[in-house]
N, C-alpha and C. Protein backbone atom coordinates (compact mmCIF):
# COMPACT_ATOMS: atom_id res chain seq x y z
N MET A 1 -13.16 -7.94 -17.14
CA MET A 1 -12.29 -7.94 -15.99
C MET A 1 -10.85 -8.19 -16.47
N LEU A 2 -9.93 -7.37 -16.01
CA LEU A 2 -8.52 -7.52 -16.36
C LEU A 2 -7.70 -7.88 -15.13
N GLU A 3 -6.58 -8.53 -15.35
CA GLU A 3 -5.70 -8.89 -14.25
C GLU A 3 -4.38 -8.14 -14.37
N LEU A 4 -3.94 -7.58 -13.25
CA LEU A 4 -2.63 -6.94 -13.16
C LEU A 4 -1.72 -7.83 -12.33
N LYS A 5 -0.43 -7.85 -12.66
CA LYS A 5 0.54 -8.64 -11.91
C LYS A 5 1.78 -7.79 -11.66
N ILE A 6 2.28 -7.86 -10.45
CA ILE A 6 3.53 -7.20 -10.07
C ILE A 6 4.46 -8.28 -9.53
N ASP A 7 5.63 -8.41 -10.12
CA ASP A 7 6.65 -9.37 -9.67
C ASP A 7 7.68 -8.59 -8.85
N GLY A 8 7.68 -8.82 -7.56
CA GLY A 8 8.57 -8.09 -6.66
C GLY A 8 10.05 -8.28 -6.93
N TRP A 9 10.44 -9.47 -7.39
CA TRP A 9 11.86 -9.69 -7.70
C TRP A 9 12.28 -8.80 -8.87
N ARG A 10 11.47 -8.78 -9.90
CA ARG A 10 11.82 -8.01 -11.09
C ARG A 10 11.67 -6.51 -10.91
N LYS A 11 10.69 -6.10 -10.10
CA LYS A 11 10.44 -4.67 -9.87
C LYS A 11 11.26 -4.11 -8.71
N GLY A 12 12.03 -4.93 -8.03
CA GLY A 12 12.84 -4.45 -6.91
C GLY A 12 12.03 -4.13 -5.67
N ILE A 13 10.91 -4.81 -5.49
CA ILE A 13 10.08 -4.61 -4.29
C ILE A 13 10.51 -5.68 -3.29
N ARG A 14 11.58 -5.37 -2.57
CA ARG A 14 12.23 -6.34 -1.68
C ARG A 14 12.55 -5.71 -0.34
N PHE A 15 12.70 -6.57 0.64
CA PHE A 15 13.20 -6.13 1.93
C PHE A 15 13.97 -7.29 2.55
N SER A 16 14.92 -6.96 3.39
CA SER A 16 15.70 -7.96 4.11
C SER A 16 15.47 -7.75 5.60
N SER A 17 15.12 -8.82 6.28
CA SER A 17 14.82 -8.71 7.71
C SER A 17 15.25 -9.97 8.42
N ALA A 18 15.46 -9.81 9.73
CA ALA A 18 15.76 -10.95 10.60
C ALA A 18 14.51 -11.29 11.39
N HIS A 19 14.41 -12.55 11.77
CA HIS A 19 13.27 -12.97 12.59
C HIS A 19 13.57 -14.30 13.27
N ILE A 20 12.68 -14.65 14.17
CA ILE A 20 12.75 -15.92 14.88
C ILE A 20 11.35 -16.52 14.81
N THR A 21 11.24 -17.76 14.37
CA THR A 21 9.95 -18.43 14.39
C THR A 21 10.09 -19.68 15.27
N PRO A 22 9.97 -19.48 16.59
CA PRO A 22 10.23 -20.58 17.52
C PRO A 22 9.26 -21.75 17.39
N GLU A 23 8.15 -21.56 16.71
CA GLU A 23 7.21 -22.66 16.51
C GLU A 23 7.69 -23.65 15.46
N HIS A 24 8.79 -23.32 14.76
CA HIS A 24 9.39 -24.21 13.76
C HIS A 24 10.84 -24.46 14.15
N LYS A 25 11.20 -25.71 14.33
CA LYS A 25 12.52 -26.05 14.88
C LYS A 25 13.67 -25.40 14.12
N LYS A 26 13.75 -25.61 12.82
CA LYS A 26 14.88 -25.08 12.05
C LYS A 26 14.93 -23.56 12.08
N CYS A 27 13.75 -22.93 12.12
CA CYS A 27 13.68 -21.47 12.06
C CYS A 27 13.61 -20.82 13.44
N GLY A 28 13.77 -21.61 14.49
CA GLY A 28 13.67 -21.09 15.84
C GLY A 28 14.90 -20.33 16.30
N ARG A 29 15.89 -20.29 15.46
CA ARG A 29 17.08 -19.48 15.76
C ARG A 29 17.00 -18.18 14.97
N LEU A 30 17.64 -17.15 15.49
CA LEU A 30 17.66 -15.87 14.80
C LEU A 30 18.30 -16.04 13.43
N HIS A 31 17.60 -15.64 12.41
CA HIS A 31 18.10 -15.75 11.04
C HIS A 31 17.38 -14.71 10.19
N GLY A 32 17.72 -14.61 8.93
CA GLY A 32 17.09 -13.62 8.08
C GLY A 32 16.89 -14.10 6.66
N HIS A 33 16.14 -13.30 5.93
CA HIS A 33 15.85 -13.58 4.53
C HIS A 33 15.84 -12.27 3.75
N THR A 34 16.00 -12.40 2.45
CA THR A 34 15.66 -11.32 1.54
C THR A 34 14.32 -11.71 0.95
N TYR A 35 13.32 -10.88 1.22
CA TYR A 35 11.95 -11.14 0.80
C TYR A 35 11.62 -10.33 -0.44
N ALA A 36 10.64 -10.81 -1.20
CA ALA A 36 10.06 -10.05 -2.32
C ALA A 36 8.55 -10.01 -2.13
N ILE A 37 7.95 -8.89 -2.49
CA ILE A 37 6.51 -8.71 -2.39
C ILE A 37 5.92 -8.70 -3.79
N HIS A 38 4.87 -9.49 -3.99
CA HIS A 38 4.20 -9.60 -5.28
C HIS A 38 2.72 -9.23 -5.11
N LEU A 39 2.07 -8.94 -6.24
CA LEU A 39 0.64 -8.63 -6.19
C LEU A 39 -0.03 -9.07 -7.47
N ARG A 40 -1.23 -9.62 -7.31
CA ARG A 40 -2.13 -9.89 -8.43
C ARG A 40 -3.45 -9.22 -8.11
N MET A 41 -4.05 -8.63 -9.11
CA MET A 41 -5.28 -7.88 -8.89
C MET A 41 -6.17 -7.99 -10.12
N ARG A 42 -7.46 -8.12 -9.89
CA ARG A 42 -8.42 -8.12 -10.99
C ARG A 42 -9.42 -7.00 -10.78
N GLY A 43 -9.72 -6.29 -11.86
CA GLY A 43 -10.69 -5.21 -11.76
C GLY A 43 -11.12 -4.70 -13.12
N LYS A 44 -12.02 -3.75 -13.09
CA LYS A 44 -12.53 -3.14 -14.31
C LYS A 44 -11.68 -1.91 -14.65
N GLN A 45 -11.61 -1.61 -15.93
CA GLN A 45 -10.88 -0.44 -16.41
C GLN A 45 -11.70 0.83 -16.18
N ASP A 46 -10.99 1.92 -15.93
CA ASP A 46 -11.66 3.22 -15.84
C ASP A 46 -11.80 3.81 -17.25
N ALA A 47 -12.24 5.05 -17.32
CA ALA A 47 -12.45 5.71 -18.61
C ALA A 47 -11.16 5.87 -19.40
N PHE A 48 -10.01 5.81 -18.72
CA PHE A 48 -8.71 5.93 -19.39
C PHE A 48 -8.07 4.58 -19.68
N GLY A 49 -8.80 3.50 -19.38
CA GLY A 49 -8.30 2.15 -19.67
C GLY A 49 -7.43 1.56 -18.57
N ILE A 50 -7.46 2.16 -17.36
CA ILE A 50 -6.59 1.73 -16.27
C ILE A 50 -7.41 1.06 -15.17
N VAL A 51 -6.91 -0.06 -14.64
CA VAL A 51 -7.53 -0.71 -13.49
C VAL A 51 -7.05 0.00 -12.22
N LEU A 52 -5.74 0.09 -12.05
CA LEU A 52 -5.10 0.88 -11.00
C LEU A 52 -3.69 1.17 -11.48
N ASP A 53 -3.26 2.39 -11.36
CA ASP A 53 -1.96 2.82 -11.87
C ASP A 53 -0.84 1.95 -11.28
N PHE A 54 0.01 1.40 -12.16
CA PHE A 54 1.12 0.56 -11.71
C PHE A 54 2.04 1.32 -10.75
N GLY A 55 2.21 2.62 -10.98
CA GLY A 55 3.06 3.42 -10.10
C GLY A 55 2.52 3.46 -8.68
N ILE A 56 1.21 3.58 -8.53
CA ILE A 56 0.59 3.58 -7.20
C ILE A 56 0.81 2.24 -6.52
N ILE A 57 0.61 1.17 -7.28
CA ILE A 57 0.78 -0.18 -6.71
C ILE A 57 2.22 -0.39 -6.24
N THR A 58 3.19 -0.13 -7.14
CA THR A 58 4.58 -0.40 -6.78
C THR A 58 5.07 0.54 -5.68
N ASP A 59 4.68 1.80 -5.73
CA ASP A 59 5.10 2.73 -4.67
C ASP A 59 4.57 2.30 -3.31
N THR A 60 3.31 1.86 -3.26
CA THR A 60 2.72 1.43 -1.99
C THR A 60 3.41 0.18 -1.47
N LEU A 61 3.62 -0.79 -2.33
CA LEU A 61 4.29 -2.03 -1.90
C LEU A 61 5.73 -1.75 -1.46
N LYS A 62 6.43 -0.87 -2.18
CA LYS A 62 7.81 -0.52 -1.78
C LYS A 62 7.82 0.17 -0.43
N GLN A 63 6.86 1.05 -0.20
CA GLN A 63 6.79 1.75 1.08
C GLN A 63 6.59 0.76 2.23
N ILE A 64 5.72 -0.20 2.05
CA ILE A 64 5.49 -1.22 3.09
C ILE A 64 6.77 -2.00 3.34
N GLY A 65 7.42 -2.44 2.27
CA GLY A 65 8.67 -3.18 2.42
C GLY A 65 9.77 -2.35 3.06
N ASP A 66 9.88 -1.09 2.67
CA ASP A 66 10.90 -0.20 3.23
C ASP A 66 10.73 -0.01 4.74
N GLU A 67 9.49 -0.03 5.20
CA GLU A 67 9.23 0.18 6.63
C GLU A 67 9.73 -0.96 7.51
N ILE A 68 9.94 -2.14 6.92
CA ILE A 68 10.43 -3.29 7.71
C ILE A 68 11.78 -3.80 7.21
N ASP A 69 12.38 -3.06 6.30
CA ASP A 69 13.66 -3.45 5.72
C ASP A 69 14.79 -3.29 6.74
N HIS A 70 15.65 -4.28 6.80
CA HIS A 70 16.82 -4.30 7.67
C HIS A 70 16.46 -4.09 9.14
N LEU A 71 15.36 -4.72 9.55
CA LEU A 71 14.93 -4.68 10.94
C LEU A 71 14.66 -6.10 11.43
N VAL A 72 14.64 -6.26 12.73
CA VAL A 72 14.23 -7.52 13.34
C VAL A 72 12.71 -7.49 13.44
N LEU A 73 12.05 -8.47 12.85
CA LEU A 73 10.59 -8.52 12.87
C LEU A 73 10.13 -9.17 14.17
N VAL A 74 9.31 -8.46 14.92
CA VAL A 74 8.83 -8.96 16.21
C VAL A 74 7.30 -9.02 16.16
N PRO A 75 6.73 -10.24 16.20
CA PRO A 75 5.28 -10.36 16.18
C PRO A 75 4.70 -10.08 17.56
N THR A 76 3.85 -9.08 17.65
CA THR A 76 3.35 -8.67 18.96
C THR A 76 2.19 -9.52 19.45
N GLU A 77 1.65 -10.41 18.60
CA GLU A 77 0.52 -11.25 19.00
C GLU A 77 0.90 -12.72 19.09
N SER A 78 2.18 -13.00 19.28
CA SER A 78 2.67 -14.38 19.30
C SER A 78 2.44 -15.06 20.65
N ASN A 79 2.05 -16.32 20.58
CA ASN A 79 1.97 -17.15 21.78
C ASN A 79 3.34 -17.76 22.11
N HIS A 80 4.30 -17.59 21.22
CA HIS A 80 5.62 -18.19 21.39
C HIS A 80 6.66 -17.21 21.93
N TYR A 81 6.33 -15.93 21.97
CA TYR A 81 7.20 -14.91 22.55
C TYR A 81 6.63 -14.60 23.92
N SER A 82 7.45 -14.74 24.95
CA SER A 82 6.95 -14.41 26.28
C SER A 82 7.73 -13.21 26.83
N ASN A 83 7.12 -12.57 27.81
CA ASN A 83 7.73 -11.41 28.47
C ASN A 83 8.14 -10.32 27.47
N LEU A 84 7.30 -10.08 26.45
CA LEU A 84 7.60 -9.03 25.48
C LEU A 84 7.49 -7.68 26.17
N LYS A 85 8.61 -6.95 26.17
CA LYS A 85 8.65 -5.62 26.77
C LYS A 85 9.24 -4.65 25.75
N VAL A 86 8.50 -3.57 25.52
CA VAL A 86 8.93 -2.55 24.56
C VAL A 86 9.05 -1.23 25.29
N THR A 87 10.23 -0.64 25.21
CA THR A 87 10.45 0.69 25.76
C THR A 87 10.96 1.59 24.63
N LYS A 88 11.17 2.86 24.92
CA LYS A 88 11.75 3.74 23.91
C LYS A 88 13.15 3.30 23.54
N LYS A 89 13.82 2.61 24.46
CA LYS A 89 15.21 2.22 24.28
C LYS A 89 15.38 0.84 23.63
N ASP A 90 14.56 -0.14 24.05
CA ASP A 90 14.79 -1.49 23.55
C ASP A 90 13.53 -2.34 23.50
N VAL A 91 13.71 -3.52 22.87
CA VAL A 91 12.67 -4.54 22.78
C VAL A 91 13.28 -5.81 23.34
N LYS A 92 12.58 -6.39 24.34
CA LYS A 92 13.06 -7.62 24.97
C LYS A 92 11.97 -8.66 24.92
N PHE A 93 12.39 -9.91 24.74
CA PHE A 93 11.44 -11.02 24.79
C PHE A 93 12.20 -12.31 25.03
N ARG A 94 11.42 -13.35 25.29
CA ARG A 94 11.98 -14.68 25.55
C ARG A 94 11.27 -15.68 24.64
N VAL A 95 12.03 -16.61 24.10
CA VAL A 95 11.47 -17.74 23.35
C VAL A 95 12.12 -19.02 23.88
N ILE A 96 11.50 -20.13 23.60
CA ILE A 96 12.07 -21.42 23.98
C ILE A 96 12.90 -21.93 22.82
N ASP A 97 14.16 -22.28 23.11
CA ASP A 97 15.05 -22.81 22.08
C ASP A 97 14.49 -24.13 21.58
N PRO A 98 14.25 -24.26 20.27
CA PRO A 98 13.64 -25.49 19.75
C PRO A 98 14.55 -26.72 19.82
N TYR A 99 15.84 -26.51 20.03
CA TYR A 99 16.77 -27.63 20.11
C TYR A 99 17.00 -28.11 21.54
N THR A 100 17.10 -27.16 22.46
CA THR A 100 17.41 -27.53 23.84
C THR A 100 16.20 -27.50 24.77
N GLY A 101 15.15 -26.79 24.37
CA GLY A 101 13.99 -26.64 25.24
C GLY A 101 14.20 -25.59 26.33
N GLU A 102 15.36 -24.94 26.30
CA GLU A 102 15.68 -23.92 27.30
C GLU A 102 15.23 -22.54 26.81
N PRO A 103 14.88 -21.65 27.74
CA PRO A 103 14.50 -20.30 27.32
C PRO A 103 15.71 -19.50 26.84
N LYS A 104 15.47 -18.67 25.82
CA LYS A 104 16.50 -17.77 25.31
C LYS A 104 15.96 -16.35 25.44
N GLU A 105 16.78 -15.45 25.93
CA GLU A 105 16.40 -14.04 26.10
C GLU A 105 17.02 -13.23 24.96
N PHE A 106 16.21 -12.35 24.39
CA PHE A 106 16.68 -11.47 23.33
C PHE A 106 16.43 -10.02 23.73
N SER A 107 17.37 -9.16 23.35
CA SER A 107 17.23 -7.73 23.58
C SER A 107 17.82 -7.01 22.38
N PHE A 108 17.01 -6.16 21.77
CA PHE A 108 17.44 -5.41 20.59
C PHE A 108 17.16 -3.93 20.81
N PRO A 109 17.98 -3.06 20.24
CA PRO A 109 17.64 -1.63 20.27
C PRO A 109 16.28 -1.42 19.60
N ARG A 110 15.45 -0.57 20.18
CA ARG A 110 14.09 -0.34 19.66
C ARG A 110 14.11 0.07 18.19
N GLN A 111 15.06 0.91 17.79
CA GLN A 111 15.10 1.38 16.41
C GLN A 111 15.49 0.30 15.41
N ASP A 112 15.94 -0.85 15.91
CA ASP A 112 16.30 -1.97 15.04
C ASP A 112 15.19 -2.99 14.90
N CYS A 113 14.00 -2.70 15.45
CA CYS A 113 12.89 -3.65 15.44
C CYS A 113 11.66 -3.08 14.74
N ALA A 114 10.93 -3.97 14.10
CA ALA A 114 9.61 -3.65 13.56
C ALA A 114 8.61 -4.47 14.35
N LEU A 115 7.77 -3.81 15.12
CA LEU A 115 6.73 -4.48 15.89
C LEU A 115 5.53 -4.65 14.98
N ILE A 116 5.19 -5.90 14.71
CA ILE A 116 4.14 -6.19 13.74
C ILE A 116 3.00 -6.92 14.44
N PRO A 117 1.77 -6.40 14.32
CA PRO A 117 0.64 -7.02 15.00
C PRO A 117 0.16 -8.28 14.29
N MET A 118 0.87 -9.36 14.51
CA MET A 118 0.51 -10.65 13.93
C MET A 118 1.05 -11.75 14.82
N PRO A 119 0.57 -12.99 14.65
CA PRO A 119 0.98 -14.07 15.55
C PRO A 119 2.37 -14.64 15.28
N SER A 120 2.89 -14.47 14.08
CA SER A 120 4.23 -14.98 13.78
C SER A 120 4.82 -14.18 12.62
N THR A 121 6.04 -14.50 12.28
CA THR A 121 6.69 -13.82 11.16
C THR A 121 6.99 -14.79 10.02
N THR A 122 6.12 -15.78 9.88
CA THR A 122 6.23 -16.69 8.74
C THR A 122 5.88 -15.94 7.46
N ALA A 123 6.25 -16.51 6.32
CA ALA A 123 5.88 -15.90 5.04
C ALA A 123 4.37 -15.78 4.93
N GLU A 124 3.65 -16.76 5.49
CA GLU A 124 2.19 -16.73 5.44
C GLU A 124 1.64 -15.50 6.17
N ASP A 125 2.12 -15.26 7.39
CA ASP A 125 1.63 -14.11 8.14
C ASP A 125 2.14 -12.80 7.57
N LEU A 126 3.34 -12.79 7.01
CA LEU A 126 3.83 -11.57 6.36
C LEU A 126 2.98 -11.23 5.14
N ALA A 127 2.52 -12.25 4.39
CA ALA A 127 1.64 -11.99 3.25
C ALA A 127 0.33 -11.36 3.73
N LYS A 128 -0.22 -11.87 4.83
CA LYS A 128 -1.45 -11.28 5.40
C LYS A 128 -1.20 -9.84 5.84
N TYR A 129 -0.06 -9.61 6.48
CA TYR A 129 0.28 -8.27 6.96
C TYR A 129 0.40 -7.27 5.79
N VAL A 130 1.16 -7.65 4.77
CA VAL A 130 1.36 -6.75 3.62
C VAL A 130 0.02 -6.51 2.92
N TYR A 131 -0.78 -7.55 2.77
CA TYR A 131 -2.11 -7.39 2.17
C TYR A 131 -2.92 -6.35 2.94
N GLY A 132 -2.99 -6.50 4.25
CA GLY A 132 -3.75 -5.57 5.08
C GLY A 132 -3.26 -4.14 4.95
N GLU A 133 -1.94 -3.96 4.97
CA GLU A 133 -1.37 -2.63 4.82
C GLU A 133 -1.67 -2.04 3.44
N PHE A 134 -1.55 -2.87 2.40
CA PHE A 134 -1.84 -2.41 1.04
C PHE A 134 -3.29 -1.97 0.93
N MET A 135 -4.19 -2.75 1.47
CA MET A 135 -5.62 -2.43 1.36
C MET A 135 -5.96 -1.14 2.13
N LYS A 136 -5.32 -0.92 3.28
CA LYS A 136 -5.57 0.31 4.05
C LYS A 136 -5.07 1.55 3.33
N ARG A 137 -3.97 1.41 2.61
CA ARG A 137 -3.29 2.57 2.02
C ARG A 137 -3.74 2.90 0.60
N THR A 138 -4.45 1.99 -0.03
CA THR A 138 -4.75 2.15 -1.45
C THR A 138 -6.17 2.66 -1.67
N LYS A 139 -6.27 3.68 -2.49
CA LYS A 139 -7.58 4.20 -2.91
C LYS A 139 -7.86 3.60 -4.29
N PHE A 140 -8.81 2.70 -4.34
CA PHE A 140 -9.15 2.05 -5.60
C PHE A 140 -10.04 2.99 -6.41
N THR A 141 -9.73 3.11 -7.70
CA THR A 141 -10.44 4.06 -8.56
C THR A 141 -11.48 3.38 -9.45
N THR A 142 -11.52 2.06 -9.44
CA THR A 142 -12.50 1.31 -10.23
C THR A 142 -13.03 0.16 -9.39
N ASP A 143 -14.00 -0.56 -9.94
CA ASP A 143 -14.47 -1.77 -9.26
C ASP A 143 -13.36 -2.81 -9.30
N THR A 144 -12.94 -3.22 -8.13
CA THR A 144 -11.88 -4.22 -8.02
C THR A 144 -12.47 -5.47 -7.41
N ALA A 145 -12.30 -6.59 -8.11
CA ALA A 145 -12.91 -7.84 -7.68
C ALA A 145 -11.99 -8.70 -6.84
N PHE A 146 -10.68 -8.47 -6.93
CA PHE A 146 -9.76 -9.41 -6.31
C PHE A 146 -8.39 -8.77 -6.15
N VAL A 147 -7.80 -8.91 -4.98
CA VAL A 147 -6.42 -8.52 -4.73
C VAL A 147 -5.76 -9.67 -3.98
N GLU A 148 -4.59 -10.05 -4.42
CA GLU A 148 -3.83 -11.13 -3.77
C GLU A 148 -2.39 -10.65 -3.62
N VAL A 149 -1.82 -10.84 -2.43
CA VAL A 149 -0.45 -10.42 -2.16
C VAL A 149 0.38 -11.65 -1.83
N GLY A 150 1.57 -11.71 -2.41
CA GLY A 150 2.51 -12.79 -2.13
C GLY A 150 3.78 -12.24 -1.50
N VAL A 151 4.35 -13.00 -0.57
CA VAL A 151 5.64 -12.66 0.02
C VAL A 151 6.52 -13.89 -0.09
N ASP A 152 7.64 -13.74 -0.82
CA ASP A 152 8.63 -14.81 -0.93
C ASP A 152 9.71 -14.59 0.12
N GLU A 153 10.16 -15.67 0.75
CA GLU A 153 11.27 -15.56 1.70
C GLU A 153 12.54 -16.12 1.08
N GLY A 154 12.68 -15.89 -0.14
CA GLY A 154 13.78 -16.36 -0.97
C GLY A 154 13.18 -16.65 -2.32
N TYR A 155 14.04 -16.74 -3.32
CA TYR A 155 13.52 -16.92 -4.68
C TYR A 155 12.85 -18.29 -4.81
N GLY A 156 11.59 -18.28 -5.24
CA GLY A 156 10.90 -19.52 -5.53
C GLY A 156 10.09 -20.12 -4.40
N LYS A 157 10.08 -19.49 -3.21
CA LYS A 157 9.27 -20.05 -2.11
C LYS A 157 8.62 -18.91 -1.35
N GLY A 158 7.31 -19.00 -1.28
CA GLY A 158 6.59 -17.92 -0.63
C GLY A 158 5.15 -18.29 -0.35
N ALA A 159 4.40 -17.33 0.15
CA ALA A 159 3.00 -17.53 0.50
C ALA A 159 2.17 -16.38 -0.07
N TRP A 160 0.93 -16.69 -0.40
CA TRP A 160 0.01 -15.72 -0.98
C TRP A 160 -1.22 -15.61 -0.09
N PHE A 161 -1.76 -14.39 -0.01
CA PHE A 161 -2.98 -14.16 0.77
C PHE A 161 -3.96 -13.32 -0.04
N ALA A 162 -5.23 -13.70 0.04
CA ALA A 162 -6.31 -12.94 -0.60
C ALA A 162 -7.58 -13.14 0.20
N GLU A 163 -8.42 -12.13 0.15
CA GLU A 163 -9.76 -12.24 0.71
C GLU A 163 -10.74 -12.09 -0.44
N SER A 164 -11.75 -12.90 -0.44
CA SER A 164 -12.77 -12.80 -1.49
C SER A 164 -13.65 -11.59 -1.21
N TRP A 165 -13.92 -10.83 -2.24
CA TRP A 165 -14.77 -9.64 -2.10
C TRP A 165 -16.18 -9.89 -2.60
N GLU A 166 -16.43 -11.11 -3.04
CA GLU A 166 -17.73 -11.39 -3.65
C GLU A 166 -18.79 -11.66 -2.61
């Protein structure tokens, strides 16, 4: 079994996005990060000595990051976003201000938003999201025992997600 590693900072697998995480006081205001996507994978080599082509891995991860780059991340399964309304023109929702306890209304042009089916836009949930997208899009050519995806929300701090296949 061999292990492959992709470092998103070094390979340029990054995206910058804005988000609101009202369940966390400091992050309950609109703000953004430059994120990096990483991957670790273990598997068997094929007849050519390859577990999975590095180009396939990096291209897939870059594509996922590019799809949410420079957009406002909106979690469509959040208990903290109320009155979420999506039209062809805009995305509107309400959150409770973590400092004042008062509701705040947000409205963004639809083309400036990425609607993501997850409960929040924390690094933890983004790691789960990227993992799921990577697994859906990737055709594995050998027996793969383990895939783990990490998302950093700045250099040196991030979250990793993996599912056991055993």
